[in-house]
Amino acid sequence: MSGHSCAYATESIIPRCLAYLATAQDFQISKRKVAKGTKVIEAAPVDLSRVKIPAPSIGTQQKVVDILDRFDTLTKSLTDGRINPHEYMN
């Protein structure tokens, strides 16, 4: 494992859900509070372990992941021009 990655293992959160949560503004703010450095900003795994991650039930996590995955797919399709937004709205 390099110095720029962190492994997180638990049965209470779906990895894909954790990936979405890690991009959330609340997580980013919490991460900045434990980060160190001036030129290269890093947060050590021991420091990241202090960041609270909300973990709803596995069923709720799966629903959130499914919705966000579909949204990502739709957004990419619209951006790539594979779907005409005017046709999609009708």
Protein backbone atom coordinates (compact mmCIF):
# COMPACT_ATOMS: atom_id res chain seq x y z
CA MET A 1 0.00 0.00 0.00
CA SER A 2 1.47 3.35 -0.97
CA GLY A 3 1.44 6.48 1.15
CA HIS A 4 -1.42 7.91 -0.91
CA SER A 5 -4.01 5.23 -0.33
CA CYS A 6 -5.93 3.82 2.55
CA ALA A 7 -7.74 0.50 2.97
CA TYR A 8 -10.99 0.35 4.89
CA ALA A 9 -12.51 -3.02 5.76
CA THR A 10 -15.86 -3.45 7.43
CA GLU A 11 -19.05 -5.40 6.94
CA SER A 12 -21.22 -2.43 7.94
CA ILE A 13 -20.76 -0.45 4.74
CA ILE A 14 -20.88 -1.35 1.03
CA PRO A 15 -17.61 -0.29 -0.68
CA ARG A 16 -19.47 1.54 -3.48
CA CYS A 17 -21.48 3.45 -0.87
CA LEU A 18 -18.26 4.40 0.91
CA ALA A 19 -16.91 5.70 -2.40
CA TYR A 20 -19.97 7.94 -2.79
CA LEU A 21 -19.83 9.07 0.84
CA ALA A 22 -16.14 9.95 0.46
CA THR A 23 -17.06 12.51 -2.19
CA ALA A 24 -19.71 14.14 0.03
CA GLN A 25 -19.04 17.63 1.31
CA ASP A 26 -19.39 16.61 4.99
CA PHE A 27 -16.71 13.94 4.60
CA GLN A 28 -14.39 16.33 2.74
CA ILE A 29 -14.73 18.92 5.52
CA SER A 30 -14.02 16.29 8.18
CA LYS A 31 -11.05 15.00 6.18
CA ARG A 32 -9.56 18.50 5.92
CA LYS A 33 -9.69 18.78 9.72
CA VAL A 34 -7.35 15.78 10.13
CA ALA A 35 -5.16 16.45 7.06
CA LYS A 36 -1.59 17.61 7.44
CA GLY A 37 0.87 19.35 5.15
CA THR A 38 1.22 22.56 3.25
CA LYS A 39 2.36 21.65 -0.26
CA VAL A 40 1.13 18.06 -0.33
CA ILE A 41 -1.96 17.65 1.83
CA GLU A 42 -2.32 14.15 3.26
CA ALA A 43 -4.42 12.43 5.88
CA ALA A 44 -2.84 9.39 7.51
CA PRO A 45 -5.02 6.30 8.01
CA VAL A 46 -4.80 6.72 11.78
CA ASP A 47 -6.15 10.28 11.38
CA LEU A 48 -8.84 9.22 8.90
CA SER A 49 -10.03 6.63 11.39
CA ARG A 50 -11.29 9.52 13.54
CA VAL A 51 -13.61 10.74 10.76
CA LYS A 52 -17.17 9.60 11.41
CA ILE A 53 -18.88 7.97 8.43
CA PRO A 54 -22.68 7.68 8.60
CA ALA A 55 -23.68 4.13 7.79
CA PRO A 56 -27.38 3.49 7.26
CA SER A 57 -28.60 -0.09 6.97
CA ILE A 58 -27.12 -2.25 4.21
CA GLY A 59 -30.50 -2.21 2.42
CA THR A 60 -30.61 1.59 2.44
CA GLN A 61 -26.99 1.77 1.30
CA GLN A 62 -27.78 -0.53 -1.63
CA LYS A 63 -30.77 1.63 -2.65
CA VAL A 64 -28.59 4.76 -2.53
CA VAL A 65 -25.85 3.08 -4.57
CA ASP A 66 -28.38 1.87 -7.17
CA ILE A 67 -29.89 5.36 -7.53
CA LEU A 68 -26.52 7.11 -7.76
CA ASP A 69 -25.17 4.52 -10.23
CA ARG A 70 -28.21 5.05 -12.47
CA PHE A 71 -27.77 8.82 -12.18
CA ASP A 72 -24.09 8.52 -13.14
CA THR A 73 -24.98 6.36 -16.13
CA LEU A 74 -27.67 8.79 -17.28
CA THR A 75 -25.36 11.80 -16.81
CA LYS A 76 -22.58 10.13 -18.82
CA SER A 77 -25.05 9.16 -21.55
CA LEU A 78 -26.31 12.74 -21.81
CA THR A 79 -22.76 14.13 -21.77
CA ASP A 80 -21.56 11.67 -24.43
CA GLY A 81 -24.54 12.50 -26.64
CA ARG A 82 -25.92 8.95 -26.53
CA ILE A 83 -29.25 10.27 -25.24
CA ASN A 84 -30.97 13.36 -26.58
CA PRO A 85 -32.15 15.29 -23.50
CA HIS A 86 -35.28 16.46 -25.37
CA GLU A 87 -36.26 12.86 -26.15
CA TYR A 88 -35.57 11.79 -22.59
CA MET A 89 -37.84 14.48 -21.14
CA ASN A 90 -40.84 13.38 -23.24
